[in-house]
Protein backbone atom coordinates (compact mmCIF):
# COMPACT_ATOMS: atom_id res chain seq x y z
CA MET A 1 -4.85 -1.03 -51.06
CA LYS A 2 -1.16 -1.41 -50.24
CA ASP A 3 -1.20 1.73 -48.01
CA ARG A 4 -3.93 0.37 -45.72
CA ILE A 5 -3.19 -0.51 -42.13
CA VAL A 6 -4.54 -3.90 -41.12
CA ILE A 7 -5.63 -4.43 -37.52
CA ASP A 8 -6.31 -7.94 -36.31
CA LEU A 9 -9.29 -7.42 -34.01
CA GLY A 10 -9.57 -11.15 -33.39
CA GLN A 11 -6.08 -11.28 -31.88
CA MET A 12 -6.76 -8.18 -29.76
CA MET A 13 -9.98 -9.70 -28.42
CA ASP A 14 -8.18 -12.99 -27.65
CA GLU A 15 -5.55 -11.11 -25.60
CA ILE A 16 -8.22 -9.19 -23.71
CA PHE A 17 -10.16 -12.38 -23.02
CA GLU A 18 -7.01 -14.16 -21.78
CA ALA A 19 -6.14 -11.28 -19.44
CA THR A 20 -9.69 -11.24 -18.08
CA GLN A 21 -9.64 -15.00 -17.58
CA ASN A 22 -6.32 -14.82 -15.69
CA PHE A 23 -7.74 -12.14 -13.40
CA GLY A 24 -10.87 -14.23 -12.83
CA ASP A 25 -8.71 -17.26 -12.01
CA ALA A 26 -6.87 -15.16 -9.43
CA PHE A 27 -10.14 -14.49 -7.65
CA LYS A 28 -11.25 -18.10 -7.92
CA HIS A 29 -8.02 -19.51 -6.46
CA GLY A 30 -7.44 -16.63 -4.08
CA PHE A 31 -4.69 -14.08 -4.22
CA SER A 32 -1.43 -15.37 -2.85
CA PHE A 33 2.20 -14.47 -2.79
CA GLY A 34 4.85 -16.38 -4.64
CA LYS A 35 5.81 -17.09 -8.18
CA PRO A 36 3.08 -16.91 -10.79
CA GLY A 37 2.10 -20.14 -12.45
CA ARG A 38 -0.79 -22.41 -13.09
CA ASP A 39 -1.71 -22.69 -9.40
CA ASN A 40 -0.93 -19.05 -8.65
CA PRO A 41 -2.02 -16.80 -11.53
CA PHE A 42 -1.69 -13.60 -9.47
CA ARG A 43 1.77 -12.17 -8.93
CA TRP A 44 2.43 -9.66 -6.17
CA ASP A 45 4.54 -6.96 -7.75
CA GLU A 46 6.33 -4.50 -5.49
CA ASN A 47 6.55 -2.08 -8.42
CA VAL A 48 2.77 -1.76 -8.62
CA ASP A 49 1.20 0.89 -6.43
CA TYR A 50 -1.59 -0.75 -4.40
CA TYR A 51 -1.94 2.26 -2.10
CA PRO A 52 -3.39 5.73 -2.83
CA HIS A 53 -1.22 7.50 -5.33
CA TYR A 54 0.46 10.69 -4.23
CA SER A 55 3.32 11.68 -6.48
CA TYR A 56 4.75 14.09 -3.93
CA PRO A 57 6.50 13.56 -1.61
CA PRO A 58 8.02 10.24 -2.67
CA ALA A 59 7.01 7.52 -0.20
CA ASN A 60 7.55 3.88 0.69
CA ILE A 61 4.83 2.00 2.53
CA PHE A 62 5.51 -1.52 3.72
CA MET A 63 4.82 -4.03 6.47
CA LYS A 64 7.47 -5.87 8.46
CA GLU A 65 7.28 -9.53 9.46
CA ASP A 66 6.01 -8.59 12.93
CA ARG A 67 3.07 -6.82 11.20
CA THR A 68 4.43 -3.34 11.94
CA MET A 69 3.43 -0.85 9.27
CA VAL A 70 6.15 1.55 8.12
CA LEU A 71 5.62 4.71 6.08
CA GLU A 72 8.69 6.57 4.80
CA PHE A 73 8.44 10.04 3.26
CA ALA A 74 11.25 11.90 1.48
CA LEU A 75 10.95 15.43 2.84
CA ALA A 76 14.43 16.81 2.25
CA GLY A 77 14.54 20.56 2.76
CA PHE A 78 11.53 20.67 5.10
CA ALA A 79 11.95 21.85 8.68
CA GLU A 80 10.87 19.38 11.36
CA ASP A 81 8.54 22.00 12.88
CA ASP A 82 6.71 22.39 9.55
CA ILE A 83 5.73 18.69 9.37
CA ASP A 84 2.49 17.57 11.00
CA LEU A 85 1.17 14.03 11.47
CA GLU A 86 -2.13 13.18 13.10
CA PHE A 87 -4.61 10.33 13.16
CA GLN A 88 -8.08 11.13 11.90
CA GLY A 89 -10.08 8.01 12.67
CA ASP A 90 -8.58 5.14 10.64
CA TYR A 91 -6.37 7.49 8.61
CA LEU A 92 -2.94 8.99 9.22
CA ALA A 93 -2.92 12.52 7.81
CA LEU A 94 0.34 14.14 6.64
CA ASN A 95 0.72 17.90 6.25
CA ALA A 96 3.95 19.76 5.59
CA LYS A 97 4.69 23.41 4.84
CA ALA A 98 7.36 23.86 2.19
CA PRO A 99 10.19 26.29 2.89
CA GLU A 100 10.25 29.54 0.99
CA GLU A 101 12.21 29.43 -2.24
CA PRO A 102 15.47 31.37 -2.22
CA GLY A 103 15.03 34.48 -4.26
CA GLU A 104 11.24 34.44 -4.01
CA GLY A 105 9.85 37.82 -4.87
CA THR A 106 12.83 38.61 -7.11
CA GLU A 107 13.43 37.80 -10.72
CA VAL A 108 15.32 34.49 -10.81
CA ARG A 109 16.37 32.69 -13.98
CA TYR A 110 17.11 29.02 -13.50
CA PHE A 111 19.58 27.20 -15.73
CA LYS A 112 18.14 23.93 -14.52
CA ARG A 113 15.33 23.41 -12.06
CA ARG A 114 14.54 19.92 -10.81
CA LEU A 115 14.03 20.67 -7.13
CA LYS A 116 10.52 22.00 -6.61
CA LEU A 117 9.41 21.89 -2.99
CA LYS A 118 5.69 22.30 -2.43
CA ASP A 119 3.24 22.06 0.43
CA VAL A 120 1.83 18.67 1.37
CA GLU A 121 -1.82 19.08 2.25
CA ASN A 122 -3.88 16.49 4.11
CA GLN A 123 -2.55 13.33 2.48
CA LYS A 124 -4.34 10.41 4.13
CA PHE A 125 -3.05 6.88 4.56
CA TYR A 126 -5.29 4.05 5.75
CA VAL A 127 -4.10 2.64 9.08
CA PRO A 128 -7.11 0.91 10.70
CA GLU A 129 -7.34 1.56 14.41
CA ASP A 130 -8.53 -1.96 15.20
CA LYS A 131 -5.39 -3.47 13.62
CA PHE A 132 -2.67 -0.92 14.49
CA ASP A 133 -1.80 0.75 17.79
CA HIS A 134 -2.19 4.48 17.22
CA GLU A 135 -0.92 5.21 20.73
CA ARG A 136 2.52 3.61 20.20
CA VAL A 137 3.33 5.22 16.84
CA LYS A 138 6.91 6.44 16.43
CA ALA A 139 7.99 9.10 13.91
CA VAL A 140 11.67 9.86 13.30
CA TYR A 141 12.86 12.62 10.98
CA LYS A 142 16.52 12.25 10.02
CA ASN A 143 18.47 13.47 6.99
CA GLY A 144 15.29 14.50 5.17
CA LEU A 145 13.56 11.14 5.61
CA LEU A 146 10.48 10.89 7.83
CA ARG A 147 10.00 7.30 9.00
CA VAL A 148 6.69 6.53 10.72
CA THR A 149 6.47 3.15 12.45
CA ILE A 150 3.06 1.92 13.60
CA PRO A 151 3.07 -1.36 15.55
CA SER A 152 0.21 -3.81 15.19
CA LYS A 153 -2.10 -4.40 18.10
CA GLU A 154 -1.33 -7.52 20.05
CA THR A 155 -3.72 -10.27 19.13
CA THR A 156 -5.53 -11.85 22.01
CA ALA A 157 -5.44 -15.60 22.42
CA ALA A 158 -8.23 -17.35 20.59
CA LYS A 159 -11.20 -18.21 22.76
CA GLU A 160 -11.46 -21.85 23.60
CA GLY A 161 -14.13 -23.39 21.44
CA VAL A 162 -16.43 -26.35 21.79
CA LYS A 163 -14.77 -29.61 20.83
CA VAL A 164 -16.69 -31.60 18.22
CA ARG A 165 -16.29 -35.33 18.51
CA ILE A 166 -15.79 -37.17 15.24
CA VAL A 167 -17.01 -40.74 14.95
CA VAL A 168 -16.50 -43.32 12.24
CA GLU A 169 -19.55 -43.83 10.04
CA GLY A 170 -21.64 -46.71 11.36
CA ASP A 171 -20.33 -46.31 14.94
CA ASP A 172 -22.82 -43.51 15.71
CA ALA A 173 -25.76 -45.96 15.62
CA LYS A 174 -24.14 -48.09 18.35
CA GLU A 175 -23.91 -45.13 20.74
CA GLU A 176 -27.60 -44.24 20.61
């Protein structure tokens, strides 16, 4: 009996229930930025990947204050001519052909190998056409970093609506 492992299922279930309740509260109160707390149970964490996960090439995807979307890709060692970007509907597709390895076709023995360049095939990133201007996109490749800047579409001025007159309760009977 002294060699038995004891698992407290009650405590585990309490922790699961609490996590589920916190997530439910986030939906109830709406997701918002800022510090987590009683009024804001959801915390935006820049270390969490909210975008499709591609482990290669390393990428940063962020939005500037002026609502410009920026995608940065680390493509060191790739030739500019071997990188292809194109919009396919609401998606930006990235393709890149990796350079040939030195010594390919011969017997090579690495002492240490951490640099492994490989082809990038049809990686798609959601950039909705109704929100971002696909015609004014700018891509700059410098020092192995491809930086794609996609400006937001200018928002048109809100249409003028119909003004609703508010009256004090009891005054509406006088006007009839």
